[in-house]
Protein backbone atom coordinates (compact mmCIF):
# COMPACT_ATOMS: atom_id res chain seq x y z
CA MET A 1 48.53 270.94 -19.28
CA GLU A 2 49.16 270.07 -15.63
CA ASN A 3 52.79 269.16 -14.89
CA LEU A 4 52.84 265.85 -12.93
CA ASN A 5 55.37 265.75 -10.11
CA LEU A 6 56.15 262.07 -9.37
CA SER A 7 58.02 262.90 -6.22
CA LYS A 8 54.81 264.37 -4.74
CA ASN A 9 52.03 262.45 -6.46
CA GLY A 10 53.43 258.92 -6.63
CA PHE A 11 56.38 256.60 -6.02
CA THR A 12 59.63 257.02 -7.90
CA MET A 13 61.33 253.95 -9.36
CA VAL A 14 63.87 254.02 -6.54
CA GLU A 15 61.15 254.07 -3.91
CA LEU A 16 59.31 251.19 -5.58
CA ALA A 17 62.56 249.21 -5.69
CA ILE A 18 63.12 249.80 -1.96
CA VAL A 19 59.56 248.70 -1.16
CA LEU A 20 59.98 245.50 -3.20
CA VAL A 21 63.28 244.71 -1.49
CA VAL A 22 61.73 245.19 1.96
CA LEU A 23 58.73 243.03 1.02
CA GLY A 24 61.09 240.33 -0.26
CA LEU A 25 63.06 240.36 2.99
CA LEU A 26 59.88 240.14 5.08
CA LEU A 27 58.57 237.29 2.94
CA GLY A 28 61.88 235.43 3.27
CA ILE A 29 61.85 235.83 7.04
CA GLY A 30 58.24 234.63 7.17
CA VAL A 31 59.00 231.50 5.13
CA THR A 32 61.99 230.76 7.38
CA LEU A 33 59.83 231.01 10.50
CA ILE A 34 56.92 228.90 9.23
CA GLY A 35 58.77 225.58 9.58
CA PRO A 36 59.85 226.05 13.22
CA LEU A 37 56.42 227.44 14.16
CA ILE A 38 54.64 224.40 12.70
CA LYS A 39 57.11 222.07 14.45
CA THR A 40 56.58 223.80 17.81
CA SER A 41 52.80 223.67 17.36
CA LYS A 42 52.83 219.94 16.57
CA ILE A 43 55.10 219.17 19.54
CA ARG A 44 52.70 221.08 21.80
CA GLU A 45 49.70 219.25 20.31
CA THR A 46 51.39 215.85 20.75
CA LYS A 47 52.17 216.59 24.40
CA LYS A 48 48.51 217.50 24.92
CA ILE A 49 47.40 214.23 23.28
CA MET A 50 49.78 212.29 25.53
CA GLU A 51 48.44 214.07 28.62
CA GLU A 52 44.92 213.01 27.59
CA ILE A 53 46.14 209.42 27.21
CA VAL A 54 47.71 209.55 30.68
CA TYR A 55 44.38 210.57 32.20
CA THR A 56 42.63 207.82 30.25
CA ILE A 57 45.10 205.33 31.76
CA ARG A 58 44.44 206.83 35.20
CA GLY A 59 40.69 206.46 34.70
CA TYR A 60 41.09 202.85 33.61
CA ALA A 61 43.27 202.16 36.65
CA LEU A 62 40.71 203.75 38.99
CA THR A 63 38.01 201.48 37.57
CA THR A 64 39.91 198.20 37.31
CA GLY A 65 42.84 198.52 39.72
CA THR A 66 45.20 197.57 36.88
CA LEU A 67 46.86 199.10 33.84
CA PRO A 68 45.43 198.54 30.34
CA SER A 69 47.31 195.92 28.33
CA PRO A 70 48.96 197.07 25.10
CA VAL A 71 48.47 195.52 21.68
CA THR A 72 51.72 193.95 20.54
CA ILE A 73 52.46 194.42 16.84
CA CYS A 74 55.90 193.74 15.38
CA ASP A 75 57.48 193.90 18.85
CA ALA A 76 55.78 197.25 19.37
CA SER A 77 53.44 197.94 22.26
CA ILE A 78 50.69 200.27 21.09
CA MET A 79 47.43 201.34 22.71
CA PRO A 80 44.22 199.37 22.21
CA LYS A 81 41.79 201.54 20.26
CA ASN A 82 38.77 200.25 22.20
CA ILE A 83 40.10 201.96 25.35
CA PHE A 84 41.85 205.05 24.02
CA GLY A 85 40.08 207.58 21.84
CA LYS A 86 43.38 208.85 20.45
CA THR A 87 46.34 206.58 19.75
CA LYS A 88 48.31 208.74 17.30
CA ASP A 89 50.42 211.86 17.68
CA SER A 90 50.02 215.09 15.69
CA TRP A 91 52.09 213.57 12.86
CA ARG A 92 49.51 210.72 12.57
CA LYS A 93 51.97 208.13 13.87
CA GLU A 94 51.09 205.56 16.55
CA ILE A 95 52.23 206.46 20.06
CA ARG A 96 54.11 203.60 21.69
CA TYR A 97 52.83 202.43 25.06
CA LEU A 98 55.10 200.50 27.40
CA LYS A 99 53.46 198.90 30.42
CA ALA A 100 55.55 197.68 33.34
CA THR A 101 55.14 194.37 35.13
CA LEU A 102 54.04 195.00 38.73
CA ASP A 103 55.11 192.85 41.67
CA GLY A 104 51.49 192.67 42.86
CA ASN A 105 48.32 191.58 41.11
CA GLU A 106 46.92 195.11 41.34
CA ILE A 107 48.33 198.63 41.45
CA CYS A 108 47.45 199.31 45.07
CA ASN A 109 49.21 196.25 46.47
CA SER A 110 52.33 196.67 44.33
CA THR A 111 55.58 198.18 45.56
CA THR A 112 57.96 197.76 42.62
CA THR A 113 57.97 197.38 38.84
CA ASN A 114 60.44 195.90 36.37
CA LEU A 115 60.76 199.06 34.23
CA LYS A 116 63.57 201.62 34.53
CA ILE A 117 64.49 204.80 32.67
CA TYR A 118 68.05 205.94 32.03
CA PHE A 119 68.17 209.69 31.40
CA CYS A 120 71.42 209.71 29.44
CA LYS A 121 73.86 212.58 29.91
CA ASP A 122 75.83 211.74 26.77
CA CYS A 123 75.15 210.12 23.40
CA GLN A 124 76.70 206.79 24.47
CA CYS A 125 74.68 206.79 27.71
CA LEU A 126 77.84 206.07 29.72
CA ASN A 127 76.63 208.56 32.31
CA TYR A 128 72.97 208.64 33.23
CA GLU A 129 70.38 209.37 35.90
CA GLU A 130 68.31 206.29 36.73
CA LYS A 131 64.64 206.28 37.66
CA ALA A 132 63.22 202.96 38.80
CA ASN A 133 59.69 201.65 39.38
CA ILE A 134 58.22 203.19 36.22
CA ALA A 135 54.56 202.17 35.85
CA PHE A 136 54.09 203.07 32.19
CA LEU A 137 55.69 205.05 29.39
CA LEU A 138 54.38 206.79 26.26
CA VAL A 139 56.67 207.52 23.31
CA SER A 140 56.05 209.63 20.20
CA GLY A 141 58.55 209.55 17.34
CA GLY A 142 58.44 213.34 17.20
CA PRO A 143 59.08 215.56 14.15
CA ASN A 144 61.27 212.99 12.36
CA TYR A 145 58.45 210.35 12.38
CA ASN A 146 60.91 207.86 13.87
CA ILE A 147 60.62 206.24 17.32
CA GLN A 148 64.21 206.02 18.55
CA THR A 149 63.46 205.00 22.14
CA GLY A 150 63.93 201.27 22.56
CA LEU A 151 63.53 198.78 25.39
CA ASP A 152 66.52 196.65 26.36
CA ALA A 153 66.35 194.35 29.41
CA ASN A 154 63.50 196.45 30.85
CA ILE A 155 65.59 199.63 30.52
CA VAL A 156 64.48 202.62 28.45
CA LYS A 157 67.16 205.11 27.42
CA ILE A 158 66.20 208.74 26.86
CA TYR A 159 68.90 210.85 25.22
CA PRO A 160 69.63 214.58 25.67
CA GLN A 161 68.17 216.44 22.71
CA TYR A 162 70.50 219.42 23.08
CA GLN A 163 73.49 217.17 22.23
CA GLN A 164 72.00 216.11 18.86
CA CYS A 165 72.63 212.42 19.50
CA GLN A 166 72.44 210.25 16.38
CA VAL A 167 70.64 207.13 17.64
CA ASP A 168 67.87 204.67 16.82
CA ASN A 169 67.17 201.88 19.31
CA TYR A 170 63.89 200.72 17.80
CA GLU A 171 62.67 199.37 14.47
CA CYS A 172 59.49 197.85 13.07
CA ASN A 173 59.39 197.11 9.35
CA ASN A 174 57.50 193.83 9.21
CA PRO A 175 55.60 193.80 5.87
CA ASP A 176 52.72 191.87 7.47
CA TYR A 177 51.68 194.90 9.55
CA ALA A 178 50.50 198.38 8.61
CA TYR A 179 52.39 199.70 11.64
CA LYS A 180 55.90 200.70 10.57
CA ASP A 181 58.84 202.44 12.16
CA PRO A 182 62.12 202.91 10.26
CA GLN A 183 65.63 202.02 11.39
CA ARG A 184 67.74 205.09 10.73
CA GLN A 185 70.33 206.85 12.84
CA GLU A 186 69.35 210.48 13.25
CA GLU A 187 69.06 213.23 15.81
CA TYR A 188 67.06 212.04 18.82
CA ASP A 189 63.80 213.97 19.12
CA ASP A 190 61.33 211.55 20.74
CA ILE A 191 58.63 212.97 23.01
CA VAL A 192 58.25 210.90 26.19
CA GLU A 193 55.68 210.91 28.97
CA TYR A 194 55.85 208.54 31.97
CA TRP A 195 54.44 207.91 35.42
CA LYS A 196 56.23 206.22 38.29
CA LEU A 197 54.40 203.64 40.38
CA GLU A 198 54.24 205.95 43.40
CA THR A 199 52.61 208.68 41.26
CA LEU A 200 50.07 206.20 39.91
CA LYS A 201 49.29 204.85 43.38
CA GLY A 202 48.86 208.38 44.68
CA ALA A 203 46.28 209.05 41.95
CA VAL A 204 44.52 205.69 42.15
CA CYS A 205 44.86 204.46 45.71
CA GLY A 206 45.06 207.75 47.60
CA THR A 207 48.45 206.84 49.11
CA LEU A 208 51.99 207.91 48.36
């Protein structure tokens, strides 16, 4: 009878145990990485959707000389579906669209707008960098499904994400509308895209 030598012809119990431990560690690392990878992918997809919306707005402005008007629901300005092919981010939530009031009747004869952005340097927004003459603004609630960027006296505050600011400056929970946005203080993670009036005029009117 042939004498089987496990050390040469197969795995020993110790070797099998080591292989299982290594596989378990690799599986654990993979599961840990899946969440962040999905989050990064959805953020990238949302930014691409918002870029497409920006170019749709630009095309509308080239044709009409004005900005498209938002649909107001529960104090929220969202994009009219008859103009924009996509109005939702990668989390299937409506992207908020804020349109400024121009001082002229058309883009090309306007010089100022009523909309400003405060880029906050702290969670209380006591220190900030101001950008005036914003033409329009797009806001996605980001991974937490919660739009935290509000509008107060024509000022939009954008908080530093690296400081993990617990804020929520916007809410929409009217039961009469399908559109909802919760009021809950949590880490600010909104995704924001905007154009200043001078940028818009440069694209539409050919002047800076």
